[in-house]
PDB file of all heavy atoms in Angstrom:
ATOM      1  N   TRP A   1     -22.383  61.400  13.678  1.00  0.00           N
ATOM      2  CA  TRP A   1     -23.231  61.955  12.706  1.00  0.00           C
ATOM      3  C   TRP A   1     -22.949  63.428  12.519  1.00  0.00           C
ATOM      4  O   TRP A   1     -22.905  63.960  11.432  1.00  0.00           O
ATOM      5  CB  TRP A   1     -24.669  61.685  13.142  1.00  0.00           C
ATOM      6  CG  TRP A   1     -25.690  62.138  12.188  1.00  0.00           C
ATOM      7  CD1 TRP A   1     -26.507  63.302  12.244  1.00  0.00           C
ATOM      8  CD2 TRP A   1     -26.013  61.461  11.003  1.00  0.00           C
ATOM      9  NE1 TRP A   1     -27.252  63.377  11.170  1.00  0.00           N
ATOM     10  CE2 TRP A   1     -27.072  62.340  10.332  1.00  0.00           C
ATOM     11  CE3 TRP A   1     -25.543  60.302  10.271  1.00  0.00           C
ATOM     12  CZ2 TRP A   1     -27.686  61.879   9.099  1.00  0.00           C
ATOM     13  CZ3 TRP A   1     -26.188  59.975   9.127  1.00  0.00           C
ATOM     14  CH2 TRP A   1     -27.186  60.728   8.532  1.00  0.00           C
ATOM     15  N   ALA A   2     -22.804  64.067  13.645  1.00  0.00           N
ATOM     16  CA  ALA A   2     -22.507  65.641  13.618  1.00  0.00           C
ATOM     17  C   ALA A   2     -21.158  65.775  13.003  1.00  0.00           C
ATOM     18  O   ALA A   2     -21.005  66.763  12.160  1.00  0.00           O
ATOM     19  CB  ALA A   2     -22.572  66.195  15.062  1.00  0.00           C
ATOM     20  N   VAL A   3     -20.034  65.043  13.317  1.00  0.00           N
ATOM     21  CA  VAL A   3     -18.823  65.166  12.738  1.00  0.00           C
ATOM     22  C   VAL A   3     -18.875  65.055  11.225  1.00  0.00           C
ATOM     23  O   VAL A   3     -18.336  65.668  10.442  1.00  0.00           O
ATOM     24  CB  VAL A   3     -17.838  64.186  13.355  1.00  0.00           C
ATOM     25  CG1 VAL A   3     -16.521  64.020  12.532  1.00  0.00           C
ATOM     26  CG2 VAL A   3     -17.466  64.614  14.815  1.00  0.00           C
ATOM     27  N   SER A   4     -19.700  64.065  10.773  1.00  0.00           N
ATOM     28  CA  SER A   4     -19.843  63.758   9.435  1.00  0.00           C
ATOM     29  C   SER A   4     -20.587  64.825   8.691  1.00  0.00           C
ATOM     30  O   SER A   4     -20.169  65.171   7.463  1.00  0.00           O
ATOM     31  CB  SER A   4     -20.594  62.415   9.260  1.00  0.00           C
ATOM     32  OG  SER A   4     -19.885  61.333   9.779  1.00  0.00           O
ATOM     33  N   GLN A   5     -21.503  65.356   9.254  1.00  0.00           N
ATOM     34  CA  GLN A   5     -22.122  66.646   8.688  1.00  0.00           C
ATOM     35  C   GLN A   5     -21.174  67.818   8.542  1.00  0.00           C
ATOM     36  O   GLN A   5     -21.119  68.432   7.634  1.00  0.00           O
ATOM     37  CB  GLN A   5     -23.200  67.073   9.544  1.00  0.00           C
ATOM     38  CG  GLN A   5     -24.494  66.119   9.498  1.00  0.00           C
ATOM     39  CD  GLN A   5     -25.541  66.498  10.321  1.00  0.00           C
ATOM     40  OE1 GLN A   5     -25.347  66.865  11.563  1.00  0.00           O
ATOM     41  NE2 GLN A   5     -26.796  66.624   9.881  1.00  0.00           N
ATOM     42  N   GLU A   6     -20.315  68.016   9.625  1.00  0.00           N
ATOM     43  CA  GLU A   6     -19.443  69.097   9.626  1.00  0.00           C
ATOM     44  C   GLU A   6     -18.290  68.890   8.565  1.00  0.00           C
ATOM     45  O   GLU A   6     -17.988  69.813   7.890  1.00  0.00           O
ATOM     46  CB  GLU A   6     -18.693  69.185  11.108  1.00  0.00           C
ATOM     47  CG  GLU A   6     -19.588  69.576  12.168  1.00  0.00           C
ATOM     48  CD  GLU A   6     -19.115  69.270  13.548  1.00  0.00           C
ATOM     49  OE1 GLU A   6     -17.961  68.611  13.688  1.00  0.00           O
ATOM     50  OE2 GLU A   6     -19.662  69.813  14.483  1.00  0.00           O
ATOM     51  N   SER A   7     -17.796  67.765   8.433  1.00  0.00           N
ATOM     52  CA  SER A   7     -16.886  67.528   7.429  1.00  0.00           C
ATOM     53  C   SER A   7     -17.319  67.521   6.045  1.00  0.00           C
ATOM     54  O   SER A   7     -16.618  67.846   5.133  1.00  0.00           O
ATOM     55  CB  SER A   7     -16.067  66.036   7.775  1.00  0.00           C
ATOM     56  OG  SER A   7     -16.973  65.073   7.936  1.00  0.00           O
ATOM     57  N   LEU A   8     -18.631  67.088   5.818  1.00  0.00           N
ATOM     58  CA  LEU A   8     -19.264  67.301   4.470  1.00  0.00           C
ATOM     59  C   LEU A   8     -19.402  68.646   4.239  1.00  0.00           C
ATOM     60  O   LEU A   8     -19.070  69.213   2.988  1.00  0.00           O
ATOM     61  CB  LEU A   8     -20.455  66.414   4.427  1.00  0.00           C
ATOM     62  CG  LEU A   8     -21.218  66.465   3.086  1.00  0.00           C
ATOM     63  CD1 LEU A   8     -20.394  66.006   1.970  1.00  0.00           C
ATOM     64  CD2 LEU A   8     -22.560  65.672   3.162  1.00  0.00           C
ATOM     65  N   ALA A   9     -19.867  69.430   5.137  1.00  0.00           N
ATOM     66  CA  ALA A   9     -20.049  70.789   4.779  1.00  0.00           C
ATOM     67  C   ALA A   9     -18.754  71.587   4.382  1.00  0.00           C
ATOM     68  O   ALA A   9     -18.633  72.377   3.621  1.00  0.00           O
ATOM     69  CB  ALA A   9     -20.636  71.516   6.001  1.00  0.00           C
ATOM     70  N   TYR A  10     -17.788  71.177   5.202  1.00  0.00           N
ATOM     71  CA  TYR A  10     -16.377  71.695   4.857  1.00  0.00           C
ATOM     72  C   TYR A  10     -15.938  71.379   3.523  1.00  0.00           C
ATOM     73  O   TYR A  10     -15.488  72.219   2.776  1.00  0.00           O
ATOM     74  CB  TYR A  10     -15.326  71.142   5.810  1.00  0.00           C
ATOM     75  CG  TYR A  10     -13.927  71.389   5.502  1.00  0.00           C
ATOM     76  CD1 TYR A  10     -13.189  72.441   6.038  1.00  0.00           C
ATOM     77  CD2 TYR A  10     -13.221  70.522   4.533  1.00  0.00           C
ATOM     78  CE1 TYR A  10     -11.897  72.713   5.792  1.00  0.00           C
ATOM     79  CE2 TYR A  10     -11.952  70.864   4.272  1.00  0.00           C
ATOM     80  CZ  TYR A  10     -11.159  71.938   4.825  1.00  0.00           C
ATOM     81  OH  TYR A  10      -9.937  72.209   4.348  1.00  0.00           O
ATOM     82  N   THR A  11     -16.136  70.049   3.127  1.00  0.00           N
ATOM     83  CA  THR A  11     -15.644  69.572   1.753  1.00  0.00           C
ATOM     84  C   THR A  11     -16.458  70.352   0.708  1.00  0.00           C
ATOM     85  O   THR A  11     -15.839  70.865  -0.265  1.00  0.00           O
ATOM     86  CB  THR A  11     -15.984  68.078   1.665  1.00  0.00           C
ATOM     87  OG1 THR A  11     -15.290  67.395   2.623  1.00  0.00           O
ATOM     88  CG2 THR A  11     -15.720  67.575   0.347  1.00  0.00           C
ATOM     89  N   LEU A  12     -17.708  70.476   0.760  1.00  0.00           N
ATOM     90  CA  LEU A  12     -18.464  71.104  -0.300  1.00  0.00           C
ATOM     91  C   LEU A  12     -18.145  72.550  -0.431  1.00  0.00           C
ATOM     92  O   LEU A  12     -18.036  73.106  -1.470  1.00  0.00           O
ATOM     93  CB  LEU A  12     -19.959  70.911  -0.086  1.00  0.00           C
ATOM     94  CG  LEU A  12     -20.528  69.361  -0.176  1.00  0.00           C
ATOM     95  CD1 LEU A  12     -21.958  69.387   0.208  1.00  0.00           C
ATOM     96  CD2 LEU A  12     -20.249  68.903  -1.505  1.00  0.00           C
ATOM     97  N   ASP A  13     -17.959  73.327   0.849  1.00  0.00           N
ATOM     98  CA  ASP A  13     -17.604  74.700   0.818  1.00  0.00           C
ATOM     99  C   ASP A  13     -16.154  74.852   0.212  1.00  0.00           C
ATOM    100  O   ASP A  13     -15.920  75.830  -0.488  1.00  0.00           O
ATOM    101  CB  ASP A  13     -17.687  75.206   2.295  1.00  0.00           C
ATOM    102  CG  ASP A  13     -17.322  76.657   2.416  1.00  0.00           C
ATOM    103  OD1 ASP A  13     -18.068  77.512   1.816  1.00  0.00           O
ATOM    104  OD2 ASP A  13     -16.293  76.961   3.006  1.00  0.00           O
ATOM    105  N   CYS A  14     -15.260  73.988   0.707  1.00  0.00           N
ATOM    106  CA  CYS A  14     -13.902  74.124   0.164  1.00  0.00           C
ATOM    107  C   CYS A  14     -13.780  74.001  -1.330  1.00  0.00           C
ATOM    108  O   CYS A  14     -13.046  74.730  -2.012  1.00  0.00           O
ATOM    109  CB  CYS A  14     -13.033  73.059   0.862  1.00  0.00           C
ATOM    110  SG  CYS A  14     -11.228  73.152   0.524  1.00  0.00           S
ATOM    111  N   ILE A  15     -14.527  73.071  -1.896  1.00  0.00           N
ATOM    112  CA  ILE A  15     -14.478  72.858  -3.315  1.00  0.00           C
ATOM    113  C   ILE A  15     -15.176  73.929  -4.074  1.00  0.00           C
ATOM    114  O   ILE A  15     -14.986  74.121  -5.286  1.00  0.00           O
ATOM    115  CB  ILE A  15     -15.055  71.487  -3.721  1.00  0.00           C
ATOM    116  CG1 ILE A  15     -14.163  70.288  -3.109  1.00  0.00           C
ATOM    117  CG2 ILE A  15     -15.077  71.129  -5.193  1.00  0.00           C
ATOM    118  CD1 ILE A  15     -14.709  68.945  -3.084  1.00  0.00           C
ATOM    119  N   GLY A  16     -16.154  74.518  -3.378  1.00  0.00           N
ATOM    120  CA  GLY A  16     -16.926  75.560  -3.802  1.00  0.00           C
ATOM    121  C   GLY A  16     -18.168  75.100  -4.666  1.00  0.00           C
ATOM    122  O   GLY A  16     -18.570  75.688  -5.748  1.00  0.00           O
ATOM    123  N   ILE A  17     -18.976  74.225  -3.970  1.00  0.00           N
ATOM    124  CA  ILE A  17     -20.091  73.628  -4.655  1.00  0.00           C
ATOM    125  C   ILE A  17     -21.323  74.105  -3.867  1.00  0.00           C
ATOM    126  O   ILE A  17     -21.382  73.742  -2.616  1.00  0.00           O
ATOM    127  CB  ILE A  17     -19.982  72.047  -4.605  1.00  0.00           C
ATOM    128  CG1 ILE A  17     -18.766  71.580  -5.483  1.00  0.00           C
ATOM    129  CG2 ILE A  17     -21.282  71.503  -5.231  1.00  0.00           C
ATOM    130  CD1 ILE A  17     -18.541  69.996  -5.435  1.00  0.00           C
ATOM    131  N   PRO A  18     -22.180  74.912  -4.413  1.00  0.00           N
ATOM    132  CA  PRO A  18     -23.480  75.203  -3.725  1.00  0.00           C
ATOM    133  C   PRO A  18     -24.342  73.899  -3.697  1.00  0.00           C
ATOM    134  O   PRO A  18     -24.214  73.061  -4.561  1.00  0.00           O
ATOM    135  CB  PRO A  18     -24.046  76.234  -4.652  1.00  0.00           C
ATOM    136  CG  PRO A  18     -23.488  76.027  -5.911  1.00  0.00           C
ATOM    137  CD  PRO A  18     -22.191  75.430  -5.743  1.00  0.00           C
ATOM    138  N   TYR A  19     -25.202  73.718  -2.660  1.00  0.00           N
ATOM    139  CA  TYR A  19     -26.017  72.603  -2.481  1.00  0.00           C
ATOM    140  C   TYR A  19     -27.300  72.930  -1.758  1.00  0.00           C
ATOM    141  O   TYR A  19     -27.295  73.986  -0.913  1.00  0.00           O
ATOM    142  CB  TYR A  19     -25.269  71.600  -1.764  1.00  0.00           C
ATOM    143  CG  TYR A  19     -24.784  72.019  -0.427  1.00  0.00           C
ATOM    144  CD1 TYR A  19     -25.618  71.727   0.733  1.00  0.00           C
ATOM    145  CD2 TYR A  19     -23.468  72.532  -0.204  1.00  0.00           C
ATOM    146  CE1 TYR A  19     -25.049  72.159   2.074  1.00  0.00           C
ATOM    147  CE2 TYR A  19     -22.962  72.927   0.971  1.00  0.00           C
ATOM    148  CZ  TYR A  19     -23.835  72.753   2.076  1.00  0.00           C
ATOM    149  OH  TYR A  19     -23.341  73.081   3.319  1.00  0.00           O
ATOM    150  N   GLU A  20     -28.314  72.248  -2.048  1.00  0.00           N
ATOM    151  CA  GLU A  20     -29.595  72.454  -1.212  1.00  0.00           C
ATOM    152  C   GLU A  20     -29.596  71.516  -0.036  1.00  0.00           C
ATOM    153  O   GLU A  20     -28.853  70.387  -0.028  1.00  0.00           O
ATOM    154  CB  GLU A  20     -30.764  72.164  -2.146  1.00  0.00           C
ATOM    155  CG  GLU A  20     -30.933  73.075  -3.297  1.00  0.00           C
ATOM    156  CD  GLU A  20     -32.097  72.699  -4.176  1.00  0.00           C
ATOM    157  OE1 GLU A  20     -32.715  71.715  -3.888  1.00  0.00           O
ATOM    158  OE2 GLU A  20     -32.253  73.546  -5.111  1.00  0.00           O
ATOM    159  N   LYS A  21     -30.324  71.781   0.977  1.00  0.00           N
ATOM    160  CA  LYS A  21     -30.466  71.103   2.204  1.00  0.00           C
ATOM    161  C   LYS A  21     -30.818  69.687   1.881  1.00  0.00           C
ATOM    162  O   LYS A  21     -30.331  68.661   2.477  1.00  0.00           O
ATOM    163  CB  LYS A  21     -31.407  71.716   3.215  1.00  0.00           C
ATOM    164  CG  LYS A  21     -31.518  70.954   4.558  1.00  0.00           C
ATOM    165  CD  LYS A  21     -32.550  71.643   5.448  1.00  0.00           C
ATOM    166  CE  LYS A  21     -32.708  70.830   6.818  1.00  0.00           C
ATOM    167  NZ  LYS A  21     -33.747  71.463   7.623  1.00  0.00           N
ATOM    168  N   THR A  22     -31.817  69.384   1.063  1.00  0.00           N
ATOM    169  CA  THR A  22     -32.315  68.017   0.691  1.00  0.00           C
ATOM    170  C   THR A  22     -31.159  67.240   0.109  1.00  0.00           C
ATOM    171  O   THR A  22     -31.104  66.030   0.364  1.00  0.00           O
ATOM    172  CB  THR A  22     -33.452  68.164  -0.209  1.00  0.00           C
ATOM    173  OG1 THR A  22     -33.231  68.984  -1.433  1.00  0.00           O
ATOM    174  CG2 THR A  22     -34.730  68.760   0.420  1.00  0.00           C
ATOM    175  N   VAL A  23     -30.384  67.870  -0.834  1.00  0.00           N
ATOM    176  CA  VAL A  23     -29.264  67.166  -1.394  1.00  0.00           C
ATOM    177  C   VAL A  23     -28.304  66.791  -0.321  1.00  0.00           C
ATOM    178  O   VAL A  23     -27.743  65.571  -0.261  1.00  0.00           O
ATOM    179  CB  VAL A  23     -28.493  67.930  -2.475  1.00  0.00           C
ATOM    180  CG1 VAL A  23     -27.335  67.309  -2.885  1.00  0.00           C
ATOM    181  CG2 VAL A  23     -29.519  68.120  -3.625  1.00  0.00           C
ATOM    182  N   PHE A  24     -27.915  67.677   0.544  1.00  0.00           N
ATOM    183  CA  PHE A  24     -26.913  67.383   1.702  1.00  0.00           C
ATOM    184  C   PHE A  24     -27.510  66.205   2.505  1.00  0.00           C
ATOM    185  O   PHE A  24     -26.771  65.329   2.901  1.00  0.00           O
ATOM    186  CB  PHE A  24     -26.902  68.612   2.602  1.00  0.00           C
ATOM    187  CG  PHE A  24     -25.832  68.592   3.683  1.00  0.00           C
ATOM    188  CD1 PHE A  24     -24.544  69.062   3.408  1.00  0.00           C
ATOM    189  CD2 PHE A  24     -26.091  68.062   4.972  1.00  0.00           C
ATOM    190  CE1 PHE A  24     -23.631  68.942   4.353  1.00  0.00           C
ATOM    191  CE2 PHE A  24     -25.065  67.997   5.854  1.00  0.00           C
ATOM    192  CZ  PHE A  24     -23.912  68.370   5.635  1.00  0.00           C
ATOM    193  N   GLU A  25     -28.835  66.266   2.753  1.00  0.00           N
ATOM    194  CA  GLU A  25     -29.346  65.110   3.591  1.00  0.00           C
ATOM    195  C   GLU A  25     -29.426  63.723   2.940  1.00  0.00           C
ATOM    196  O   GLU A  25     -29.205  62.766   3.577  1.00  0.00           O
ATOM    197  CB  GLU A  25     -30.868  65.558   4.035  1.00  0.00           C
ATOM    198  CG  GLU A  25     -30.956  66.690   5.052  1.00  0.00           C
ATOM    199  CD  GLU A  25     -32.316  67.169   5.212  1.00  0.00           C
ATOM    200  OE1 GLU A  25     -33.212  66.847   4.509  1.00  0.00           O
ATOM    201  OE2 GLU A  25     -32.444  67.954   6.227  1.00  0.00           O
ATOM    202  N   GLU A  26     -29.588  63.847   1.565  1.00  0.00           N
ATOM    203  CA  GLU A  26     -29.535  62.552   0.799  1.00  0.00           C
ATOM    204  C   GLU A  26     -28.143  61.976   0.829  1.00  0.00           C
ATOM    205  O   GLU A  26     -28.012  60.761   0.860  1.00  0.00           O
ATOM    206  CB  GLU A  26     -29.999  62.814  -0.495  1.00  0.00           C
ATOM    207  CG  GLU A  26     -31.442  63.070  -0.748  1.00  0.00           C
ATOM    208  CD  GLU A  26     -31.851  63.281  -2.169  1.00  0.00           C
ATOM    209  OE1 GLU A  26     -31.574  62.481  -3.094  1.00  0.00           O
ATOM    210  OE2 GLU A  26     -32.494  64.405  -2.432  1.00  0.00           O
ATOM    211  N   ILE A  27     -27.094  62.871   0.808  1.00  0.00           N
ATOM    212  CA  ILE A  27     -25.843  62.205   0.721  1.00  0.00           C
ATOM    213  C   ILE A  27     -25.421  61.706   2.200  1.00  0.00           C
ATOM    214  O   ILE A  27     -24.796  60.612   2.317  1.00  0.00           O
ATOM    215  CB  ILE A  27     -24.734  63.400   0.378  1.00  0.00           C
ATOM    216  CG1 ILE A  27     -24.854  63.898  -1.026  1.00  0.00           C
ATOM    217  CG2 ILE A  27     -23.371  62.902   0.707  1.00  0.00           C
ATOM    218  CD1 ILE A  27     -24.054  65.024  -1.496  1.00  0.00           C
ATOM    219  N   MET A  28     -25.825  62.460   3.131  1.00  0.00           N
ATOM    220  CA  MET A  28     -25.653  62.048   4.572  1.00  0.00           C
ATOM    221  C   MET A  28     -26.299  60.633   4.937  1.00  0.00           C
ATOM    222  O   MET A  28     -25.857  59.738   5.496  1.00  0.00           O
ATOM    223  CB  MET A  28     -26.139  63.020   5.636  1.00  0.00           C
ATOM    224  CG  MET A  28     -25.287  64.100   5.845  1.00  0.00           C
ATOM    225  SD  MET A  28     -23.658  63.622   6.608  1.00  0.00           S
ATOM    226  CE  MET A  28     -24.227  62.805   7.968  1.00  0.00           C
ATOM    227  N   ALA A  29     -27.503  60.454   4.228  1.00  0.00           N
ATOM    228  CA  ALA A  29     -28.237  59.154   4.344  1.00  0.00           C
ATOM    229  C   ALA A  29     -27.516  57.940   3.977  1.00  0.00           C
ATOM    230  O   ALA A  29     -27.774  56.825   4.456  1.00  0.00           O
ATOM    231  CB  ALA A  29     -29.538  59.349   3.715  1.00  0.00           C
ATOM    232  N   LYS A  30     -26.580  58.056   2.991  1.00  0.00           N
ATOM    233  CA  LYS A  30     -25.830  56.956   2.558  1.00  0.00           C
ATOM    234  C   LYS A  30     -25.146  56.299   3.659  1.00  0.00           C
ATOM    235  O   LYS A  30     -24.837  54.989   3.611  1.00  0.00           O
ATOM    236  CB  LYS A  30     -24.916  57.450   1.527  1.00  0.00           C
ATOM    237  CG  LYS A  30     -24.059  56.280   0.859  1.00  0.00           C
ATOM    238  CD  LYS A  30     -24.990  55.207   0.233  1.00  0.00           C
ATOM    239  CE  LYS A  30     -24.075  54.138  -0.510  1.00  0.00           C
ATOM    240  NZ  LYS A  30     -24.779  53.030  -1.099  1.00  0.00           N
ATOM    241  N   TYR A  31     -24.703  57.003   4.825  1.00  0.00           N
ATOM    242  CA  TYR A  31     -24.091  56.360   5.769  1.00  0.00           C
ATOM    243  C   TYR A  31     -24.873  55.549   6.591  1.00  0.00           C
ATOM    244  O   TYR A  31     -24.353  54.612   7.485  1.00  0.00           O
ATOM    245  CB  TYR A  31     -23.351  57.407   6.784  1.00  0.00           C
ATOM    246  CG  TYR A  31     -21.863  57.560   6.414  1.00  0.00           C
ATOM    247  CD1 TYR A  31     -21.431  58.308   5.386  1.00  0.00           C
ATOM    248  CD2 TYR A  31     -20.942  56.839   7.120  1.00  0.00           C
ATOM    249  CE1 TYR A  31     -20.039  58.402   5.285  1.00  0.00           C
ATOM    250  CE2 TYR A  31     -19.685  56.815   6.880  1.00  0.00           C
ATOM    251  CZ  TYR A  31     -19.206  57.730   5.861  1.00  0.00           C
ATOM    252  OH  TYR A  31     -17.851  57.713   5.657  1.00  0.00           O
ATOM    253  N   ARG A  32     -26.232  55.463   6.364  1.00  0.00           N
ATOM    254  CA  ARG A  32     -27.071  54.499   6.995  1.00  0.00           C
ATOM    255  C   ARG A  32     -27.396  53.308   6.090  1.00  0.00           C
ATOM    256  O   ARG A  32     -28.037  52.362   6.442  1.00  0.00           O
ATOM    257  CB  ARG A  32     -28.311  55.038   7.482  1.00  0.00           C
ATOM    258  CG  ARG A  32     -28.150  56.224   8.534  1.00  0.00           C
ATOM    259  CD  ARG A  32     -29.440  56.905   8.890  1.00  0.00           C
ATOM    260  NE  ARG A  32     -29.247  58.113   9.782  1.00  0.00           N
ATOM    261  CZ  ARG A  32     -29.102  58.092  11.055  1.00  0.00           C
ATOM    262  NH1 ARG A  32     -29.336  56.924  11.874  1.00  0.00           N
ATOM    263  NH2 ARG A  32     -28.954  59.007  11.793  1.00  0.00           N
ATOM    264  N   HIS A  33     -26.677  53.395   4.868  1.00  0.00           N
ATOM    265  CA  HIS A  33     -26.944  52.323   3.818  1.00  0.00           C
ATOM    266  C   HIS A  33     -25.672  52.107   3.142  1.00  0.00           C
ATOM    267  O   HIS A  33     -25.628  51.789   1.972  1.00  0.00           O
ATOM    268  CB  HIS A  33     -27.994  52.823   2.848  1.00  0.00           C
ATOM    269  CG  HIS A  33     -29.236  53.072   3.459  1.00  0.00           C
ATOM    270  ND1 HIS A  33     -30.302  52.105   3.561  1.00  0.00           N
ATOM    271  CD2 HIS A  33     -29.860  54.090   4.082  1.00  0.00           C
ATOM    272  CE1 HIS A  33     -31.417  52.591   4.081  1.00  0.00           C
ATOM    273  NE2 HIS A  33     -31.139  53.902   4.322  1.00  0.00           N
ATOM    274  N   LEU A  34     -24.529  52.106   3.815  1.00  0.00           N
ATOM    275  CA  LEU A  34     -23.219  51.747   3.209  1.00  0.00           C
ATOM    276  C   LEU A  34     -23.188  50.352   2.700  1.00  0.00           C
ATOM    277  O   LEU A  34     -23.861  49.472   3.187  1.00  0.00           O
ATOM    278  CB  LEU A  34     -21.955  52.081   4.176  1.00  0.00           C
ATOM    279  CG  LEU A  34     -21.732  53.439   4.609  1.00  0.00           C
ATOM    280  CD1 LEU A  34     -20.636  53.342   5.698  1.00  0.00           C
ATOM    281  CD2 LEU A  34     -21.273  54.143   3.414  1.00  0.00           C
TER     282      LEU A  34
END
């Protein structure tokens, strides 16, 4: 879970996409509903 958060943060930062915490959490939640 932590690794997935770290790698998602890397991805969004690398691409240059600003995001809100709630959006980040909604994307992460998909891993509990694949």
